[in-house]
Amino acid sequence: MKKIIIVLLAGLFTANLAFADHASCEAKAAEKNLRGAAKASFIKKCERETNAPMKNDCAAQAAEKKLAGAAKANFMKKCQSATPAK
């Protein structure tokens, strides 16, 4: 039960960071006066770079749960989509 609570709290924390990262990427794009496709491309790249540690966090959670095969793939998909990727 304790592990579940820790994992849930970690998930909420990373979701909050992902939202903050999106706002940070938006602000960086605004500083560079990017518009249209250039802005969208910049934000996508910025979010991918800032969310890379989160993907590793999902892998660590899957390893902690000793998941393999289809169960691991399903968990990774849910874990990575749990965070808002705007």
N, C-alpha and C. Protein backbone atom coordinates (compact mmCIF):
# COMPACT_ATOMS: atom_id res chain seq x y z
N MET A 1 0.83 -1.18 0.00
CA MET A 1 0.00 0.00 0.00
C MET A 1 0.88 1.26 0.00
N LYS A 2 1.96 1.18 0.74
CA LYS A 2 2.86 2.32 0.83
C LYS A 2 3.49 2.63 -0.53
N LYS A 3 3.85 1.56 -1.28
CA LYS A 3 4.45 1.74 -2.60
C LYS A 3 3.46 2.38 -3.56
N ILE A 4 2.20 1.99 -3.46
CA ILE A 4 1.18 2.55 -4.35
C ILE A 4 1.03 4.04 -4.10
N ILE A 5 1.01 4.44 -2.85
CA ILE A 5 0.88 5.86 -2.51
C ILE A 5 2.08 6.63 -3.02
N ILE A 6 3.26 6.08 -2.87
CA ILE A 6 4.48 6.75 -3.34
C ILE A 6 4.45 6.91 -4.86
N VAL A 7 4.04 5.85 -5.56
CA VAL A 7 3.97 5.91 -7.02
C VAL A 7 2.93 6.94 -7.47
N LEU A 8 1.79 6.98 -6.80
CA LEU A 8 0.76 7.96 -7.15
C LEU A 8 1.24 9.39 -6.91
N LEU A 9 1.89 9.62 -5.80
CA LEU A 9 2.42 10.96 -5.52
C LEU A 9 3.49 11.35 -6.53
N ALA A 10 4.34 10.40 -6.89
CA ALA A 10 5.37 10.68 -7.89
C ALA A 10 4.72 11.00 -9.24
N GLY A 11 3.66 10.27 -9.57
CA GLY A 11 2.94 10.54 -10.83
C GLY A 11 2.33 11.92 -10.84
N LEU A 12 1.72 12.33 -9.74
CA LEU A 12 1.14 13.67 -9.66
C LEU A 12 2.21 14.74 -9.78
N PHE A 13 3.34 14.50 -9.14
CA PHE A 13 4.44 15.45 -9.19
C PHE A 13 4.97 15.61 -10.61
N THR A 14 5.16 14.48 -11.31
CA THR A 14 5.69 14.57 -12.68
C THR A 14 4.66 15.18 -13.63
N ALA A 15 3.38 14.93 -13.38
CA ALA A 15 2.34 15.55 -14.22
C ALA A 15 2.37 17.06 -14.05
N ASN A 16 2.56 17.52 -12.83
CA ASN A 16 2.63 18.95 -12.56
C ASN A 16 3.87 19.55 -13.23
N LEU A 17 4.98 18.84 -13.18
CA LEU A 17 6.20 19.32 -13.83
C LEU A 17 6.03 19.39 -15.34
N ALA A 18 5.33 18.42 -15.91
CA ALA A 18 5.11 18.41 -17.36
C ALA A 18 4.30 19.63 -17.78
N PHE A 19 3.30 19.98 -17.00
CA PHE A 19 2.51 21.16 -17.31
C PHE A 19 3.37 22.41 -17.21
N ALA A 20 4.20 22.47 -16.20
CA ALA A 20 5.08 23.63 -16.04
C ALA A 20 6.08 23.70 -17.18
N ASP A 21 6.56 22.54 -17.64
CA ASP A 21 7.49 22.51 -18.77
C ASP A 21 6.82 23.04 -20.03
N HIS A 22 5.55 22.71 -20.24
CA HIS A 22 4.83 23.20 -21.41
C HIS A 22 4.75 24.72 -21.37
N ALA A 23 4.43 25.27 -20.21
CA ALA A 23 4.35 26.72 -20.07
C ALA A 23 5.73 27.34 -20.29
N SER A 24 6.77 26.66 -19.82
CA SER A 24 8.13 27.14 -20.01
C SER A 24 8.50 27.14 -21.49
N CYS A 25 8.11 26.08 -22.20
CA CYS A 25 8.40 26.00 -23.64
C CYS A 25 7.62 27.08 -24.40
N GLU A 26 6.38 27.32 -23.99
CA GLU A 26 5.57 28.39 -24.61
C GLU A 26 6.26 29.74 -24.40
N ALA A 27 6.77 29.97 -23.20
CA ALA A 27 7.43 31.24 -22.89
C ALA A 27 8.70 31.41 -23.72
N LYS A 28 9.45 30.32 -23.88
CA LYS A 28 10.67 30.39 -24.69
C LYS A 28 10.34 30.69 -26.14
N ALA A 29 9.27 30.10 -26.64
CA ALA A 29 8.85 30.35 -28.02
C ALA A 29 8.42 31.81 -28.19
N ALA A 30 7.75 32.35 -27.18
CA ALA A 30 7.31 33.74 -27.24
C ALA A 30 8.51 34.68 -27.22
N GLU A 31 9.54 34.34 -26.43
CA GLU A 31 10.75 35.16 -26.38
C GLU A 31 11.44 35.22 -27.74
N LYS A 32 11.35 34.11 -28.48
CA LYS A 32 11.99 34.04 -29.79
C LYS A 32 11.09 34.54 -30.91
N ASN A 33 9.89 35.01 -30.54
CA ASN A 33 8.90 35.52 -31.50
C ASN A 33 8.57 34.50 -32.59
N LEU A 34 8.43 33.24 -32.19
CA LEU A 34 8.09 32.20 -33.15
C LEU A 34 6.59 32.16 -33.39
N ARG A 35 6.18 31.87 -34.61
CA ARG A 35 4.77 31.80 -34.97
C ARG A 35 4.53 30.57 -35.84
N GLY A 36 3.30 30.10 -35.85
CA GLY A 36 2.87 29.04 -36.75
C GLY A 36 3.63 27.73 -36.59
N ALA A 37 4.04 27.18 -37.73
CA ALA A 37 4.71 25.87 -37.76
C ALA A 37 6.04 25.90 -37.01
N ALA A 38 6.74 27.01 -37.09
CA ALA A 38 8.04 27.12 -36.40
C ALA A 38 7.83 27.04 -34.89
N LYS A 39 6.77 27.70 -34.40
CA LYS A 39 6.46 27.66 -32.97
C LYS A 39 6.07 26.26 -32.55
N ALA A 40 5.20 25.61 -33.33
CA ALA A 40 4.76 24.26 -33.00
C ALA A 40 5.93 23.29 -32.98
N SER A 41 6.81 23.40 -33.95
CA SER A 41 7.98 22.53 -34.02
C SER A 41 8.91 22.77 -32.83
N PHE A 42 9.12 24.04 -32.48
CA PHE A 42 9.98 24.38 -31.36
C PHE A 42 9.41 23.83 -30.05
N ILE A 43 8.12 24.00 -29.83
CA ILE A 43 7.48 23.53 -28.60
C ILE A 43 7.55 22.02 -28.52
N LYS A 44 7.30 21.34 -29.63
CA LYS A 44 7.35 19.87 -29.64
C LYS A 44 8.75 19.39 -29.27
N LYS A 45 9.77 20.00 -29.86
CA LYS A 45 11.15 19.61 -29.56
C LYS A 45 11.50 19.93 -28.10
N CYS A 46 11.09 21.10 -27.64
CA CYS A 46 11.36 21.52 -26.27
C CYS A 46 10.73 20.55 -25.27
N GLU A 47 9.47 20.17 -25.50
CA GLU A 47 8.79 19.25 -24.59
C GLU A 47 9.42 17.87 -24.64
N ARG A 48 9.82 17.43 -25.80
CA ARG A 48 10.46 16.11 -25.92
C ARG A 48 11.75 16.09 -25.10
N GLU A 49 12.51 17.16 -25.16
CA GLU A 49 13.77 17.23 -24.42
C GLU A 49 13.53 17.33 -22.91
N THR A 50 12.51 18.06 -22.50
CA THR A 50 12.26 18.21 -21.07
C THR A 50 11.55 17.01 -20.48
N ASN A 51 10.83 16.23 -21.29
CA ASN A 51 10.10 15.06 -20.79
C ASN A 51 10.92 13.78 -20.86
N ALA A 52 12.12 13.82 -21.38
CA ALA A 52 12.94 12.62 -21.47
C ALA A 52 13.17 11.97 -20.10
N PRO A 53 13.45 12.74 -19.04
CA PRO A 53 13.63 12.09 -17.74
C PRO A 53 12.37 11.38 -17.25
N MET A 54 11.20 11.90 -17.63
CA MET A 54 9.94 11.29 -17.20
C MET A 54 9.78 9.91 -17.83
N LYS A 55 10.20 9.75 -19.09
CA LYS A 55 10.11 8.45 -19.74
C LYS A 55 10.98 7.45 -19.01
N ASN A 56 12.14 7.91 -18.55
CA ASN A 56 13.02 7.04 -17.78
C ASN A 56 12.38 6.68 -16.45
N ASP A 57 11.59 7.60 -15.87
CA ASP A 57 10.89 7.34 -14.63
C ASP A 57 9.87 6.23 -14.83
N CYS A 58 9.16 6.24 -15.96
CA CYS A 58 8.20 5.18 -16.26
C CYS A 58 8.91 3.84 -16.39
N ALA A 59 10.06 3.83 -17.01
CA ALA A 59 10.83 2.60 -17.15
C ALA A 59 11.28 2.10 -15.78
N ALA A 60 11.65 3.01 -14.91
CA ALA A 60 12.07 2.62 -13.56
C ALA A 60 10.89 2.04 -12.78
N GLN A 61 9.71 2.63 -12.96
CA GLN A 61 8.52 2.10 -12.28
C GLN A 61 8.19 0.71 -12.80
N ALA A 62 8.31 0.51 -14.12
CA ALA A 62 8.03 -0.81 -14.71
C ALA A 62 9.03 -1.84 -14.18
N ALA A 63 10.28 -1.45 -14.05
CA ALA A 63 11.30 -2.36 -13.53
C ALA A 63 11.03 -2.69 -12.06
N GLU A 64 10.59 -1.69 -11.31
CA GLU A 64 10.28 -1.89 -9.90
C GLU A 64 9.13 -2.89 -9.73
N LYS A 65 8.18 -2.82 -10.67
CA LYS A 65 7.03 -3.74 -10.63
C LYS A 65 7.34 -5.09 -11.26
N LYS A 66 8.56 -5.20 -11.80
CA LYS A 66 9.03 -6.43 -12.46
C LYS A 66 8.11 -6.83 -13.62
N LEU A 67 7.74 -5.84 -14.43
CA LEU A 67 6.89 -6.09 -15.59
C LEU A 67 7.74 -6.48 -16.79
N ALA A 68 7.16 -7.30 -17.66
CA ALA A 68 7.86 -7.71 -18.88
C ALA A 68 6.83 -7.95 -19.98
N GLY A 69 7.30 -7.90 -21.21
CA GLY A 69 6.45 -8.21 -22.36
C GLY A 69 5.30 -7.25 -22.55
N ALA A 70 4.13 -7.80 -22.82
CA ALA A 70 2.94 -7.00 -23.10
C ALA A 70 2.52 -6.17 -21.89
N ALA A 71 2.68 -6.72 -20.70
CA ALA A 71 2.32 -5.98 -19.49
C ALA A 71 3.18 -4.73 -19.35
N LYS A 72 4.47 -4.87 -19.65
CA LYS A 72 5.37 -3.71 -19.56
C LYS A 72 5.03 -2.68 -20.64
N ALA A 73 4.76 -3.15 -21.85
CA ALA A 73 4.41 -2.24 -22.94
C ALA A 73 3.14 -1.47 -22.62
N ASN A 74 2.14 -2.17 -22.07
CA ASN A 74 0.88 -1.52 -21.72
C ASN A 74 1.10 -0.50 -20.60
N PHE A 75 1.88 -0.87 -19.59
CA PHE A 75 2.17 0.04 -18.49
C PHE A 75 2.91 1.28 -18.99
N MET A 76 3.91 1.08 -19.84
CA MET A 76 4.69 2.21 -20.36
C MET A 76 3.80 3.16 -21.15
N LYS A 77 2.90 2.61 -21.97
CA LYS A 77 2.00 3.44 -22.76
C LYS A 77 1.11 4.28 -21.85
N LYS A 78 0.54 3.66 -20.83
CA LYS A 78 -0.32 4.39 -19.89
C LYS A 78 0.47 5.40 -19.08
N CYS A 79 1.64 5.02 -18.64
CA CYS A 79 2.47 5.90 -17.81
C CYS A 79 2.88 7.15 -18.59
N GLN A 80 3.29 6.97 -19.84
CA GLN A 80 3.74 8.11 -20.63
C GLN A 80 2.59 8.98 -21.10
N SER A 81 1.40 8.41 -21.25
CA SER A 81 0.26 9.22 -21.68
C SER A 81 -0.45 9.86 -20.50
N ALA A 82 -0.09 9.50 -19.29
CA ALA A 82 -0.72 10.06 -18.09
C ALA A 82 -0.37 11.53 -17.92
N THR A 83 0.73 11.96 -18.49
CA THR A 83 1.14 13.35 -18.37
C THR A 83 0.63 14.14 -19.56
N PRO A 84 0.20 15.35 -19.33
CA PRO A 84 -0.33 16.14 -20.46
C PRO A 84 0.78 16.54 -21.42
N ALA A 85 0.65 16.14 -22.64
CA ALA A 85 1.61 16.49 -23.69
C ALA A 85 0.92 17.40 -24.69
N LYS A 86 0.91 18.68 -24.40
CA LYS A 86 0.21 19.64 -25.24
C LYS A 86 1.10 20.14 -26.34
